[in-house]
């Protein structure tokens, strides 16, 4: 093979790698405000940061939490869904975006979270219904899941159903 051919192959390879990197940076899903709010909510609620998590709820979900969660606490509601032997959310950033489905002007978002004990590999699957408020920010208008991603129907299609586990409201 001629040296020119090796140079051409090298240049094409470098361009292809650079294109993949640029496209990845441009289309990072967490840059979508609805997805970012969903991730922020899951991490705050999972770490007991109720002041942050509560503000990321829609008005209806705030009323739901006040009426249905122990001490009106978002994190207490969520902690009650997961078995004690899983521990708590591992750390800030342990809940990450997985996939989403648009539904009119709303988004159905699935996240995967890593907990302290025994649920790090498969993860814990969460679902959030994200709706834009009148002020333009994105709020959690419903949730379900908080189940092992090994479970049947733990994907986004199963968790967005009305009979999904831990569905609220």
C-alpha atoms as a PDB file:
ATOM      1  CA  UNK A   1       0.000   0.000   0.000  1.00  0.00           C
ATOM      2  CA  UNK A   2       1.217   3.479  -0.786  1.00  0.00           C
ATOM      3  CA  UNK A   3       1.976   5.993   1.976  1.00  0.00           C
ATOM      4  CA  UNK A   4      -0.692   8.293   0.524  1.00  0.00           C
ATOM      5  CA  UNK A   5      -3.335   5.646   1.206  1.00  0.00           C
ATOM      6  CA  UNK A   6      -2.277   5.396   4.873  1.00  0.00           C
ATOM      7  CA  UNK A   7      -2.428   9.165   5.215  1.00  0.00           C
ATOM      8  CA  UNK A   8      -5.889   9.268   3.606  1.00  0.00           C
ATOM      9  CA  UNK A   9      -7.194   6.534   5.902  1.00  0.00           C
ATOM     10  CA  UNK A  10      -5.744   8.371   8.928  1.00  0.00           C
ATOM     11  CA  UNK A  11      -7.301  11.686   7.926  1.00  0.00           C
ATOM     12  CA  UNK A  12     -10.720  10.100   7.311  1.00  0.00           C
ATOM     13  CA  UNK A  13     -10.534   8.314  10.676  1.00  0.00           C
ATOM     14  CA  UNK A  14      -9.652  11.518  12.543  1.00  0.00           C
ATOM     15  CA  UNK A  15     -12.503  13.403  10.814  1.00  0.00           C
ATOM     16  CA  UNK A  16     -14.984  10.641  11.666  1.00  0.00           C
ATOM     17  CA  UNK A  17     -13.938  10.611  15.330  1.00  0.00           C
ATOM     18  CA  UNK A  18     -14.112  14.407  15.528  1.00  0.00           C
ATOM     19  CA  UNK A  19     -17.604  14.353  13.969  1.00  0.00           C
ATOM     20  CA  UNK A  20     -18.830  11.839  16.556  1.00  0.00           C
ATOM     21  CA  UNK A  21     -17.447  13.952  19.404  1.00  0.00           C
ATOM     22  CA  UNK A  22     -18.991  17.157  18.056  1.00  0.00           C
ATOM     23  CA  UNK A  23     -22.391  15.517  17.491  1.00  0.00           C
ATOM     24  CA  UNK A  24     -22.326  14.042  20.988  1.00  0.00           C
ATOM     25  CA  UNK A  25     -21.641  17.457  22.508  1.00  0.00           C
ATOM     26  CA  UNK A  26     -24.373  19.119  20.454  1.00  0.00           C
ATOM     27  CA  UNK A  27     -27.077  16.533  21.080  1.00  0.00           C
ATOM     28  CA  UNK A  28     -26.514  15.669  24.746  1.00  0.00           C
ATOM     29  CA  UNK A  29     -30.034  14.828  25.992  1.00  0.00           C
ATOM     30  CA  UNK A  30     -29.537  16.408  29.404  1.00  0.00           C
ATOM     31  CA  UNK A  31     -29.322  19.791  27.669  1.00  0.00           C
ATOM     32  CA  UNK A  32     -33.086  19.608  27.065  1.00  0.00           C
ATOM     33  CA  UNK A  33     -34.602  21.663  29.928  1.00  0.00           C
ATOM     34  CA  UNK A  34     -37.323  19.061  30.604  1.00  0.00           C
ATOM     35  CA  UNK A  35     -34.768  16.272  30.942  1.00  0.00           C
ATOM     36  CA  UNK A  36     -32.449  18.393  33.075  1.00  0.00           C
ATOM     37  CA  UNK A  37     -35.312  19.253  35.455  1.00  0.00           C
ATOM     38  CA  UNK A  38     -36.227  15.565  35.699  1.00  0.00           C
ATOM     39  CA  UNK A  39     -32.659  14.599  36.599  1.00  0.00           C
ATOM     40  CA  UNK A  40     -32.361  17.483  39.075  1.00  0.00           C
ATOM     41  CA  UNK A  41     -35.607  16.409  40.769  1.00  0.00           C
ATOM     42  CA  UNK A  42     -34.579  12.744  41.047  1.00  0.00           C
ATOM     43  CA  UNK A  43     -31.206  13.581  42.565  1.00  0.00           C
ATOM     44  CA  UNK A  44     -32.633  16.125  45.009  1.00  0.00           C
ATOM     45  CA  UNK A  45     -35.512  13.889  46.134  1.00  0.00           C
ATOM     46  CA  UNK A  46     -33.239  10.856  46.393  1.00  0.00           C
ATOM     47  CA  UNK A  47     -30.806  12.730  48.627  1.00  0.00           C
ATOM     48  CA  UNK A  48     -33.449  14.238  50.914  1.00  0.00           C
ATOM     49  CA  UNK A  49     -33.199  17.768  49.522  1.00  0.00           C
ATOM     50  CA  UNK A  50     -36.933  18.446  49.815  1.00  0.00           C
ATOM     51  CA  UNK A  51     -36.669  22.208  49.327  1.00  0.00           C
ATOM     52  CA  UNK A  52     -35.159  21.709  45.856  1.00  0.00           C
ATOM     53  CA  UNK A  53     -37.317  18.710  44.905  1.00  0.00           C
ATOM     54  CA  UNK A  54     -40.603  20.310  46.002  1.00  0.00           C
ATOM     55  CA  UNK A  55     -40.022  23.386  43.822  1.00  0.00           C
ATOM     56  CA  UNK A  56     -39.586  21.113  40.786  1.00  0.00           C
ATOM     57  CA  UNK A  57     -43.104  19.675  41.205  1.00  0.00           C
ATOM     58  CA  UNK A  58     -46.185  20.930  39.387  1.00  0.00           C
ATOM     59  CA  UNK A  59     -48.857  22.564  41.545  1.00  0.00           C
ATOM     60  CA  UNK A  60     -50.959  19.379  41.461  1.00  0.00           C
ATOM     61  CA  UNK A  61     -47.987  17.235  42.488  1.00  0.00           C
ATOM     62  CA  UNK A  62     -47.137  19.627  45.308  1.00  0.00           C
ATOM     63  CA  UNK A  63     -50.691  19.179  46.609  1.00  0.00           C
ATOM     64  CA  UNK A  64     -50.355  15.399  46.190  1.00  0.00           C
ATOM     65  CA  UNK A  65     -47.139  15.358  48.235  1.00  0.00           C
ATOM     66  CA  UNK A  66     -48.636  17.496  51.000  1.00  0.00           C
ATOM     67  CA  UNK A  67     -51.723  15.246  51.201  1.00  0.00           C
ATOM     68  CA  UNK A  68     -50.154  11.808  50.670  1.00  0.00           C
ATOM     69  CA  UNK A  69     -46.495  11.715  51.666  1.00  0.00           C
ATOM     70  CA  UNK A  70     -45.209  11.269  55.223  1.00  0.00           C
ATOM     71  CA  UNK A  71     -44.777  14.750  56.734  1.00  0.00           C
ATOM     72  CA  UNK A  72     -45.459  16.259  53.287  1.00  0.00           C
ATOM     73  CA  UNK A  73     -41.947  15.215  52.272  1.00  0.00           C
ATOM     74  CA  UNK A  74     -41.077  14.340  48.668  1.00  0.00           C
ATOM     75  CA  UNK A  75     -38.014  12.386  49.739  1.00  0.00           C
ATOM     76  CA  UNK A  76     -40.009  10.452  52.358  1.00  0.00           C
ATOM     77  CA  UNK A  77     -42.483   9.375  49.667  1.00  0.00           C
ATOM     78  CA  UNK A  78     -39.724   8.196  47.381  1.00  0.00           C
ATOM     79  CA  UNK A  79     -37.747   6.512  50.159  1.00  0.00           C
ATOM     80  CA  UNK A  80     -40.882   4.517  51.038  1.00  0.00           C
ATOM     81  CA  UNK A  81     -40.984   3.048  47.511  1.00  0.00           C
ATOM     82  CA  UNK A  82     -37.571   1.411  47.610  1.00  0.00           C
ATOM     83  CA  UNK A  83     -36.603  -1.470  49.905  1.00  0.00           C
ATOM     84  CA  UNK A  84     -34.471  -0.456  52.881  1.00  0.00           C
ATOM     85  CA  UNK A  85     -31.767  -2.944  51.880  1.00  0.00           C
ATOM     86  CA  UNK A  86     -31.065  -0.870  48.724  1.00  0.00           C
ATOM     87  CA  UNK A  87     -29.981   2.041  50.914  1.00  0.00           C
ATOM     88  CA  UNK A  88     -30.370   5.570  49.578  1.00  0.00           C
ATOM     89  CA  UNK A  89     -29.432   7.186  46.322  1.00  0.00           C
ATOM     90  CA  UNK A  90     -25.686   6.718  46.047  1.00  0.00           C
ATOM     91  CA  UNK A  91     -24.674  10.364  45.552  1.00  0.00           C
ATOM     92  CA  UNK A  92     -25.499  13.554  43.679  1.00  0.00           C
ATOM     93  CA  UNK A  93     -25.604  12.646  40.005  1.00  0.00           C
ATOM     94  CA  UNK A  94     -26.503   8.998  40.637  1.00  0.00           C
ATOM     95  CA  UNK A  95     -29.796   9.444  38.763  1.00  0.00           C
ATOM     96  CA  UNK A  96     -29.197   9.924  35.045  1.00  0.00           C
ATOM     97  CA  UNK A  97     -31.300  10.371  31.926  1.00  0.00           C
ATOM     98  CA  UNK A  98     -32.012   7.172  29.996  1.00  0.00           C
ATOM     99  CA  UNK A  99     -34.705   7.878  27.383  1.00  0.00           C
ATOM    100  CA  UNK A 100     -37.840   9.879  26.717  1.00  0.00           C
ATOM    101  CA  UNK A 101     -41.002   9.979  24.654  1.00  0.00           C
ATOM    102  CA  UNK A 102     -42.750  13.210  23.645  1.00  0.00           C
ATOM    103  CA  UNK A 103     -46.466  13.324  24.423  1.00  0.00           C
ATOM    104  CA  UNK A 104     -47.988  16.463  22.968  1.00  0.00           C
ATOM    105  CA  UNK A 105     -46.273  19.369  24.697  1.00  0.00           C
ATOM    106  CA  UNK A 106     -45.148  17.149  27.605  1.00  0.00           C
ATOM    107  CA  UNK A 107     -42.331  14.619  27.940  1.00  0.00           C
ATOM    108  CA  UNK A 108     -42.357  11.154  29.487  1.00  0.00           C
ATOM    109  CA  UNK A 109     -38.832  10.667  30.832  1.00  0.00           C
ATOM    110  CA  UNK A 110     -37.106   7.550  32.142  1.00  0.00           C
ATOM    111  CA  UNK A 111     -34.112   7.790  34.443  1.00  0.00           C
ATOM    112  CA  UNK A 112     -31.824   5.167  35.925  1.00  0.00           C
ATOM    113  CA  UNK A 113     -30.489   5.626  39.445  1.00  0.00           C
ATOM    114  CA  UNK A 114     -27.767   3.864  41.380  1.00  0.00           C
ATOM    115  CA  UNK A 115     -28.463   3.109  45.034  1.00  0.00           C
ATOM    116  CA  UNK A 116     -25.983   2.327  47.822  1.00  0.00           C
ATOM    117  CA  UNK A 117     -26.476  -1.412  48.131  1.00  0.00           C
ATOM    118  CA  UNK A 118     -27.340  -4.059  45.592  1.00  0.00           C
ATOM    119  CA  UNK A 119     -28.878  -1.866  42.914  1.00  0.00           C
ATOM    120  CA  UNK A 120     -25.825  -0.475  41.230  1.00  0.00           C
ATOM    121  CA  UNK A 121     -25.496  -2.808  38.261  1.00  0.00           C
ATOM    122  CA  UNK A 122     -29.040  -3.075  36.911  1.00  0.00           C
ATOM    123  CA  UNK A 123     -30.091   0.217  38.449  1.00  0.00           C
ATOM    124  CA  UNK A 124     -33.363   1.561  39.700  1.00  0.00           C
ATOM    125  CA  UNK A 125     -35.756   2.688  36.968  1.00  0.00           C
ATOM    126  CA  UNK A 126     -37.776   5.881  37.480  1.00  0.00           C
ATOM    127  CA  UNK A 127     -40.368   7.632  35.354  1.00  0.00           C
ATOM    128  CA  UNK A 128     -41.340  11.307  35.369  1.00  0.00           C
ATOM    129  CA  UNK A 129     -44.092  13.055  33.493  1.00  0.00           C
ATOM    130  CA  UNK A 130     -42.627  16.468  32.667  1.00  0.00           C
ATOM    131  CA  UNK A 131     -44.892  19.401  31.811  1.00  0.00           C
ATOM    132  CA  UNK A 132     -44.039  23.015  31.169  1.00  0.00           C
ATOM    133  CA  UNK A 133     -45.493  25.486  33.661  1.00  0.00           C
ATOM    134  CA  UNK A 134     -47.073  28.826  32.764  1.00  0.00           C
ATOM    135  CA  UNK A 135     -43.774  30.509  33.646  1.00  0.00           C
ATOM    136  CA  UNK A 136     -41.956  28.323  31.105  1.00  0.00           C
ATOM    137  CA  UNK A 137     -39.989  26.061  33.433  1.00  0.00           C
ATOM    138  CA  UNK A 138     -40.394  22.286  33.489  1.00  0.00           C
ATOM    139  CA  UNK A 139     -42.030  20.515  36.418  1.00  0.00           C
ATOM    140  CA  UNK A 140     -42.641  16.923  37.459  1.00  0.00           C
ATOM    141  CA  UNK A 141     -46.370  16.341  36.968  1.00  0.00           C
ATOM    142  CA  UNK A 142     -46.296  12.638  37.855  1.00  0.00           C
ATOM    143  CA  UNK A 143     -43.952   9.797  38.676  1.00  0.00           C
ATOM    144  CA  UNK A 144     -43.796   6.037  38.895  1.00  0.00           C
ATOM    145  CA  UNK A 145     -41.246   3.277  39.110  1.00  0.00           C
ATOM    146  CA  UNK A 146     -38.520   3.300  41.721  1.00  0.00           C
ATOM    147  CA  UNK A 147     -38.180  -0.389  40.867  1.00  0.00           C
ATOM    148  CA  UNK A 148     -35.250  -2.535  39.833  1.00  0.00           C
ATOM    149  CA  UNK A 149     -34.541  -2.245  36.123  1.00  0.00           C
ATOM    150  CA  UNK A 150     -34.468  -6.069  36.113  1.00  0.00           C
ATOM    151  CA  UNK A 151     -38.222  -6.124  36.753  1.00  0.00           C
ATOM    152  CA  UNK A 152     -40.701  -6.731  33.936  1.00  0.00           C
ATOM    153  CA  UNK A 153     -42.278  -3.523  32.630  1.00  0.00           C
ATOM    154  CA  UNK A 154     -39.538  -1.360  34.174  1.00  0.00           C
ATOM    155  CA  UNK A 155     -38.926   0.334  30.822  1.00  0.00           C
ATOM    156  CA  UNK A 156     -40.497   3.636  29.867  1.00  0.00           C
ATOM    157  CA  UNK A 157     -43.499   2.012  28.173  1.00  0.00           C
ATOM    158  CA  UNK A 158     -44.348   0.005  31.299  1.00  0.00           C
ATOM    159  CA  UNK A 159     -43.734   2.860  33.726  1.00  0.00           C
ATOM    160  CA  UNK A 160     -45.930   5.354  31.884  1.00  0.00           C
ATOM    161  CA  UNK A 161     -49.003   3.099  32.160  1.00  0.00           C
ATOM    162  CA  UNK A 162     -51.768   3.890  34.635  1.00  0.00           C
ATOM    163  CA  UNK A 163     -51.099   0.660  36.549  1.00  0.00           C
ATOM    164  CA  UNK A 164     -47.343   1.261  36.892  1.00  0.00           C
ATOM    165  CA  UNK A 165     -45.858   0.657  40.340  1.00  0.00           C
ATOM    166  CA  UNK A 166     -45.678   3.619  42.704  1.00  0.00           C
ATOM    167  CA  UNK A 167     -47.624   5.830  40.333  1.00  0.00           C
ATOM    168  CA  UNK A 168     -48.471   9.307  41.539  1.00  0.00           C
ATOM    169  CA  UNK A 169     -50.896  10.900  41.229  1.00  0.00           C
END
